[in-house]
Amino acid sequence: MKISICDKCKFFNHKEIIKLLDETFENINYEIGCNNMCGVGRNNIVLFVNNKPVIAKNKDELIKKIRDI
């Protein structure tokens, strides 16, 4: 699974999200850097999973949405 995650978004700490994802899923390749989703990232967790955007209000919603992909 390829995950692109921003290290600049203010709403979430990317290191905490990466730790959560590593505890929940296996075989993740991370690409860390701006995803040009700054407006959405002010109020949501934003990342891309296999080039598909995933936007969530909290960590539980994020995990559920990733599992549904």
PDB file of N, CA and C in Angstrom:
ATOM      1  N   MET A   1       0.857  -1.166   0.000  1.00  0.00           N
ATOM      2  CA  MET A   1       0.000   0.000   0.000  1.00  0.00           C
ATOM      3  C   MET A   1       0.904   1.230   0.000  1.00  0.00           C
ATOM      4  N   LYS A   2       0.602   2.158  -0.873  1.00  0.00           N
ATOM      5  CA  LYS A   2       1.359   3.411  -0.952  1.00  0.00           C
ATOM      6  C   LYS A   2       0.527   4.519  -0.300  1.00  0.00           C
ATOM      7  N   ILE A   3       1.125   5.233   0.642  1.00  0.00           N
ATOM      8  CA  ILE A   3       0.434   6.327   1.310  1.00  0.00           C
ATOM      9  C   ILE A   3       1.256   7.595   1.187  1.00  0.00           C
ATOM     10  N   SER A   4       0.605   8.635   0.671  1.00  0.00           N
ATOM     11  CA  SER A   4       1.207   9.972   0.608  1.00  0.00           C
ATOM     12  C   SER A   4       0.590  10.796   1.720  1.00  0.00           C
ATOM     13  N   ILE A   5       1.444  11.355   2.581  1.00  0.00           N
ATOM     14  CA  ILE A   5       0.961  12.109   3.729  1.00  0.00           C
ATOM     15  C   ILE A   5       1.754  13.410   3.859  1.00  0.00           C
ATOM     16  N   CYS A   6       1.051  14.471   4.187  1.00  0.00           N
ATOM     17  CA  CYS A   6       1.675  15.783   4.297  1.00  0.00           C
ATOM     18  C   CYS A   6       2.285  15.971   5.682  1.00  0.00           C
ATOM     19  N   ASP A   7       3.463  16.552   5.722  1.00  0.00           N
ATOM     20  CA  ASP A   7       4.101  16.862   6.994  1.00  0.00           C
ATOM     21  C   ASP A   7       3.929  18.333   7.376  1.00  0.00           C
ATOM     22  N   LYS A   8       3.099  19.054   6.625  1.00  0.00           N
ATOM     23  CA  LYS A   8       2.874  20.479   6.882  1.00  0.00           C
ATOM     24  C   LYS A   8       1.457  20.797   7.374  1.00  0.00           C
ATOM     25  N   CYS A   9       0.506  19.895   7.168  1.00  0.00           N
ATOM     26  CA  CYS A   9      -0.881  20.151   7.565  1.00  0.00           C
ATOM     27  C   CYS A   9      -0.976  20.415   9.055  1.00  0.00           C
ATOM     28  N   LYS A  10      -1.784  21.388   9.420  1.00  0.00           N
ATOM     29  CA  LYS A  10      -1.893  21.837  10.809  1.00  0.00           C
ATOM     30  C   LYS A  10      -2.873  21.016  11.649  1.00  0.00           C
ATOM     31  N   PHE A  11      -3.834  20.348  11.036  1.00  0.00           N
ATOM     32  CA  PHE A  11      -4.890  19.659  11.775  1.00  0.00           C
ATOM     33  C   PHE A  11      -4.391  18.377  12.455  1.00  0.00           C
ATOM     34  N   PHE A  12      -3.383  17.745  11.881  1.00  0.00           N
ATOM     35  CA  PHE A  12      -2.918  16.467  12.410  1.00  0.00           C
ATOM     36  C   PHE A  12      -1.401  16.404  12.429  1.00  0.00           C
ATOM     37  N   ASN A  13      -0.896  15.532  13.282  1.00  0.00           N
ATOM     38  CA  ASN A  13       0.533  15.284  13.366  1.00  0.00           C
ATOM     39  C   ASN A  13       0.852  14.059  12.511  1.00  0.00           C
ATOM     40  N   HIS A  14       1.591  14.263  11.443  1.00  0.00           N
ATOM     41  CA  HIS A  14       1.839  13.162  10.510  1.00  0.00           C
ATOM     42  C   HIS A  14       2.584  11.998  11.168  1.00  0.00           C
ATOM     43  N   LYS A  15       3.424  12.263  12.160  1.00  0.00           N
ATOM     44  CA  LYS A  15       4.152  11.181  12.832  1.00  0.00           C
ATOM     45  C   LYS A  15       3.196  10.288  13.626  1.00  0.00           C
ATOM     46  N   GLU A  16       2.198  10.897  14.269  1.00  0.00           N
ATOM     47  CA  GLU A  16       1.200  10.104  14.996  1.00  0.00           C
ATOM     48  C   GLU A  16       0.365   9.254  14.045  1.00  0.00           C
ATOM     49  N   ILE A  17       0.003   9.829  12.893  1.00  0.00           N
ATOM     50  CA  ILE A  17      -0.787   9.089  11.905  1.00  0.00           C
ATOM     51  C   ILE A  17       0.028   7.922  11.343  1.00  0.00           C
ATOM     52  N   ILE A  18       1.289   8.152  11.050  1.00  0.00           N
ATOM     53  CA  ILE A  18       2.144   7.078  10.534  1.00  0.00           C
ATOM     54  C   ILE A  18       2.267   5.963  11.557  1.00  0.00           C
ATOM     55  N   LYS A  19       2.449   6.302  12.831  1.00  0.00           N
ATOM     56  CA  LYS A  19       2.536   5.287  13.879  1.00  0.00           C
ATOM     57  C   LYS A  19       1.244   4.467  13.943  1.00  0.00           C
ATOM     58  N   LEU A  20       0.096   5.150  13.898  1.00  0.00           N
ATOM     59  CA  LEU A  20      -1.199   4.466  13.912  1.00  0.00           C
ATOM     60  C   LEU A  20      -1.344   3.530  12.713  1.00  0.00           C
ATOM     61  N   LEU A  21      -0.980   4.015  11.538  1.00  0.00           N
ATOM     62  CA  LEU A  21      -1.098   3.197  10.329  1.00  0.00           C
ATOM     63  C   LEU A  21      -0.179   1.985  10.387  1.00  0.00           C
ATOM     64  N   ASP A  22       1.046   2.175  10.892  1.00  0.00           N
ATOM     65  CA  ASP A  22       1.973   1.050  11.017  1.00  0.00           C
ATOM     66  C   ASP A  22       1.455  -0.009  11.986  1.00  0.00           C
ATOM     67  N   GLU A  23       0.745   0.427  13.030  1.00  0.00           N
ATOM     68  CA  GLU A  23       0.173  -0.519  13.996  1.00  0.00           C
ATOM     69  C   GLU A  23      -1.043  -1.252  13.435  1.00  0.00           C
ATOM     70  N   THR A  24      -1.698  -0.654  12.435  1.00  0.00           N
ATOM     71  CA  THR A  24      -2.956  -1.188  11.921  1.00  0.00           C
ATOM     72  C   THR A  24      -2.795  -1.983  10.626  1.00  0.00           C
ATOM     73  N   PHE A  25      -1.878  -1.557   9.768  1.00  0.00           N
ATOM     74  CA  PHE A  25      -1.702  -2.165   8.446  1.00  0.00           C
ATOM     75  C   PHE A  25      -0.266  -2.629   8.251  1.00  0.00           C
ATOM     76  N   GLU A  26      -0.072  -3.500   7.276  1.00  0.00           N
ATOM     77  CA  GLU A  26       1.263  -3.999   6.940  1.00  0.00           C
ATOM     78  C   GLU A  26       1.679  -3.508   5.562  1.00  0.00           C
ATOM     79  N   ASN A  27       2.961  -3.541   5.311  1.00  0.00           N
ATOM     80  CA  ASN A  27       3.534  -3.253   3.990  1.00  0.00           C
ATOM     81  C   ASN A  27       3.116  -1.891   3.437  1.00  0.00           C
ATOM     82  N   ILE A  28       3.415  -0.846   4.187  1.00  0.00           N
ATOM     83  CA  ILE A  28       3.093   0.512   3.741  1.00  0.00           C
ATOM     84  C   ILE A  28       4.362   1.195   3.264  1.00  0.00           C
ATOM     85  N   ASN A  29       4.285   1.785   2.082  1.00  0.00           N
ATOM     86  CA  ASN A  29       5.352   2.630   1.564  1.00  0.00           C
ATOM     87  C   ASN A  29       4.884   4.069   1.671  1.00  0.00           C
ATOM     88  N   TYR A  30       5.620   4.884   2.415  1.00  0.00           N
ATOM     89  CA  TYR A  30       5.221   6.270   2.648  1.00  0.00           C
ATOM     90  C   TYR A  30       5.937   7.227   1.721  1.00  0.00           C
ATOM     91  N   GLU A  31       5.194   8.220   1.292  1.00  0.00           N
ATOM     92  CA  GLU A  31       5.739   9.371   0.582  1.00  0.00           C
ATOM     93  C   GLU A  31       5.316  10.575   1.419  1.00  0.00           C
ATOM     94  N   ILE A  32       6.282  11.262   2.012  1.00  0.00           N
ATOM     95  CA  ILE A  32       5.976  12.358   2.913  1.00  0.00           C
ATOM     96  C   ILE A  32       6.297  13.681   2.232  1.00  0.00           C
ATOM     97  N   GLY A  33       5.298  14.564   2.221  1.00  0.00           N
ATOM     98  CA  GLY A  33       5.456  15.880   1.614  1.00  0.00           C
ATOM     99  C   GLY A  33       4.095  16.468   1.290  1.00  0.00           C
ATOM    100  N   CYS A  34       4.094  17.690   0.839  1.00  0.00           N
ATOM    101  CA  CYS A  34       2.847  18.400   0.552  1.00  0.00           C
ATOM    102  C   CYS A  34       2.055  17.695  -0.549  1.00  0.00           C
ATOM    103  N   ASN A  35       0.749  17.540  -0.307  1.00  0.00           N
ATOM    104  CA  ASN A  35      -0.153  16.944  -1.295  1.00  0.00           C
ATOM    105  C   ASN A  35      -1.046  17.988  -1.953  1.00  0.00           C
ATOM    106  N   ASN A  36      -0.772  19.265  -1.701  1.00  0.00           N
ATOM    107  CA  ASN A  36      -1.559  20.367  -2.253  1.00  0.00           C
ATOM    108  C   ASN A  36      -3.028  20.293  -1.854  1.00  0.00           C
ATOM    109  N   MET A  37      -3.272  19.892  -0.619  1.00  0.00           N
ATOM    110  CA  MET A  37      -4.627  19.822  -0.070  1.00  0.00           C
ATOM    111  C   MET A  37      -4.706  20.704   1.184  1.00  0.00           C
ATOM    112  N   CYS A  38      -3.999  21.825   1.160  1.00  0.00           N
ATOM    113  CA  CYS A  38      -3.838  22.686   2.337  1.00  0.00           C
ATOM    114  C   CYS A  38      -5.163  23.168   2.911  1.00  0.00           C
ATOM    115  N   GLY A  39      -6.092  23.561   2.077  1.00  0.00           N
ATOM    116  CA  GLY A  39      -7.379  24.048   2.563  1.00  0.00           C
ATOM    117  C   GLY A  39      -8.129  22.971   3.317  1.00  0.00           C
ATOM    118  N   VAL A  40      -8.183  21.786   2.767  1.00  0.00           N
ATOM    119  CA  VAL A  40      -8.876  20.670   3.401  1.00  0.00           C
ATOM    120  C   VAL A  40      -8.109  20.210   4.647  1.00  0.00           C
ATOM    121  N   GLY A  41      -6.792  20.283   4.597  1.00  0.00           N
ATOM    122  CA  GLY A  41      -5.945  19.823   5.690  1.00  0.00           C
ATOM    123  C   GLY A  41      -5.987  20.696   6.930  1.00  0.00           C
ATOM    124  N   ARG A  42      -6.617  21.857   6.834  1.00  0.00           N
ATOM    125  CA  ARG A  42      -6.767  22.714   8.014  1.00  0.00           C
ATOM    126  C   ARG A  42      -7.769  22.146   9.011  1.00  0.00           C
ATOM    127  N   ASN A  43      -8.722  21.349   8.524  1.00  0.00           N
ATOM    128  CA  ASN A  43      -9.802  20.845   9.370  1.00  0.00           C
ATOM    129  C   ASN A  43     -10.004  19.334   9.295  1.00  0.00           C
ATOM    130  N   ASN A  44      -9.128  18.641   8.582  1.00  0.00           N
ATOM    131  CA  ASN A  44      -9.296  17.208   8.367  1.00  0.00           C
ATOM    132  C   ASN A  44      -7.944  16.515   8.287  1.00  0.00           C
ATOM    133  N   ILE A  45      -7.970  15.215   8.514  1.00  0.00           N
ATOM    134  CA  ILE A  45      -6.807  14.389   8.209  1.00  0.00           C
ATOM    135  C   ILE A  45      -6.896  14.079   6.719  1.00  0.00           C
ATOM    136  N   VAL A  46      -5.828  14.371   5.989  1.00  0.00           N
ATOM    137  CA  VAL A  46      -5.833  14.189   4.536  1.00  0.00           C
ATOM    138  C   VAL A  46      -4.614  13.367   4.143  1.00  0.00           C
ATOM    139  N   LEU A  47      -4.843  12.322   3.388  1.00  0.00           N
ATOM    140  CA  LEU A  47      -3.743  11.579   2.792  1.00  0.00           C
ATOM    141  C   LEU A  47      -4.228  10.878   1.535  1.00  0.00           C
ATOM    142  N   PHE A  48      -3.311  10.329   0.799  1.00  0.00           N
ATOM    143  CA  PHE A  48      -3.648   9.587  -0.417  1.00  0.00           C
ATOM    144  C   PHE A  48      -3.217   8.139  -0.215  1.00  0.00           C
ATOM    145  N   VAL A  49      -4.130   7.219  -0.507  1.00  0.00           N
ATOM    146  CA  VAL A  49      -3.837   5.793  -0.432  1.00  0.00           C
ATOM    147  C   VAL A  49      -3.915   5.249  -1.843  1.00  0.00           C
ATOM    148  N   ASN A  50      -2.784   4.775  -2.346  1.00  0.00           N
ATOM    149  CA  ASN A  50      -2.701   4.307  -3.736  1.00  0.00           C
ATOM    150  C   ASN A  50      -3.287   5.347  -4.689  1.00  0.00           C
ATOM    151  N   ASN A  51      -2.920   6.595  -4.482  1.00  0.00           N
ATOM    152  CA  ASN A  51      -3.307   7.752  -5.307  1.00  0.00           C
ATOM    153  C   ASN A  51      -4.772   8.148  -5.189  1.00  0.00           C
ATOM    154  N   LYS A  52      -5.495   7.597  -4.216  1.00  0.00           N
ATOM    155  CA  LYS A  52      -6.892   7.981  -3.976  1.00  0.00           C
ATOM    156  C   LYS A  52      -6.944   8.837  -2.707  1.00  0.00           C
ATOM    157  N   PRO A  53      -7.597   9.997  -2.769  1.00  0.00           N
ATOM    158  CA  PRO A  53      -7.655  10.845  -1.579  1.00  0.00           C
ATOM    159  C   PRO A  53      -8.532  10.236  -0.484  1.00  0.00           C
ATOM    160  N   VAL A  54      -8.055  10.350   0.745  1.00  0.00           N
ATOM    161  CA  VAL A  54      -8.811   9.917   1.922  1.00  0.00           C
ATOM    162  C   VAL A  54      -8.857  11.108   2.876  1.00  0.00           C
ATOM    163  N   ILE A  55     -10.064  11.542   3.206  1.00  0.00           N
ATOM    164  CA  ILE A  55     -10.273  12.702   4.069  1.00  0.00           C
ATOM    165  C   ILE A  55     -11.129  12.251   5.246  1.00  0.00           C
ATOM    166  N   ALA A  56     -10.644  12.518   6.464  1.00  0.00           N
ATOM    167  CA  ALA A  56     -11.360  12.068   7.666  1.00  0.00           C
ATOM    168  C   ALA A  56     -11.284  13.124   8.756  1.00  0.00           C
ATOM    169  N   LYS A  57     -12.297  13.130   9.620  1.00  0.00           N
ATOM    170  CA  LYS A  57     -12.350  14.069  10.746  1.00  0.00           C
ATOM    171  C   LYS A  57     -11.547  13.580  11.946  1.00  0.00           C
ATOM    172  N   ASN A  58     -11.346  12.250  12.053  1.00  0.00           N
ATOM    173  CA  ASN A  58     -10.612  11.712  13.190  1.00  0.00           C
ATOM    174  C   ASN A  58      -9.915  10.407  12.780  1.00  0.00           C
ATOM    175  N   LYS A  59      -9.123   9.869  13.698  1.00  0.00           N
ATOM    176  CA  LYS A  59      -8.326   8.680  13.391  1.00  0.00           C
ATOM    177  C   LYS A  59      -9.183   7.447  13.134  1.00  0.00           C
ATOM    178  N   ASP A  60     -10.266   7.288  13.884  1.00  0.00           N
ATOM    179  CA  ASP A  60     -11.143   6.126  13.683  1.00  0.00           C
ATOM    180  C   ASP A  60     -11.776   6.142  12.294  1.00  0.00           C
ATOM    181  N   GLU A  61     -12.238   7.313  11.885  1.00  0.00           N
ATOM    182  CA  GLU A  61     -12.826   7.451  10.547  1.00  0.00           C
ATOM    183  C   GLU A  61     -11.778   7.187   9.476  1.00  0.00           C
ATOM    184  N   LEU A  62     -10.557   7.649   9.710  1.00  0.00           N
ATOM    185  CA  LEU A  62      -9.475   7.433   8.755  1.00  0.00           C
ATOM    186  C   LEU A  62      -9.222   5.941   8.541  1.00  0.00           C
ATOM    187  N   ILE A  63      -9.097   5.196   9.627  1.00  0.00           N
ATOM    188  CA  ILE A  63      -8.836   3.756   9.525  1.00  0.00           C
ATOM    189  C   ILE A  63      -9.976   3.057   8.793  1.00  0.00           C
ATOM    190  N   LYS A  64     -11.205   3.406   9.114  1.00  0.00           N
ATOM    191  CA  LYS A  64     -12.366   2.805   8.454  1.00  0.00           C
ATOM    192  C   LYS A  64     -12.338   3.076   6.954  1.00  0.00           C
ATOM    193  N   LYS A  65     -12.058   4.310   6.578  1.00  0.00           N
ATOM    194  CA  LYS A  65     -12.044   4.660   5.140  1.00  0.00           C
ATOM    195  C   LYS A  65     -10.924   3.932   4.404  1.00  0.00           C
ATOM    196  N   ILE A  66      -9.771   3.789   5.045  1.00  0.00           N
ATOM    197  CA  ILE A  66      -8.662   3.074   4.390  1.00  0.00           C
ATOM    198  C   ILE A  66      -9.031   1.596   4.220  1.00  0.00           C
ATOM    199  N   ARG A  67      -9.645   1.010   5.216  1.00  0.00           N
ATOM    200  CA  ARG A  67     -10.070  -0.400   5.106  1.00  0.00           C
ATOM    201  C   ARG A  67     -11.094  -0.592   3.993  1.00  0.00           C
ATOM    202  N   ASP A  68     -11.912   0.418   3.739  1.00  0.00           N
ATOM    203  CA  ASP A  68     -12.955   0.323   2.713  1.00  0.00           C
ATOM    204  C   ASP A  68     -12.423   0.472   1.285  1.00  0.00           C
ATOM    205  N   ILE A  69     -11.185   0.874   1.161  1.00  0.00           N
ATOM    206  CA  ILE A  69     -10.622   1.058  -0.198  1.00  0.00           C
ATOM    207  C   ILE A  69     -10.314  -0.292  -0.810  1.00  0.00           C
TER     208      ILE A  69
END
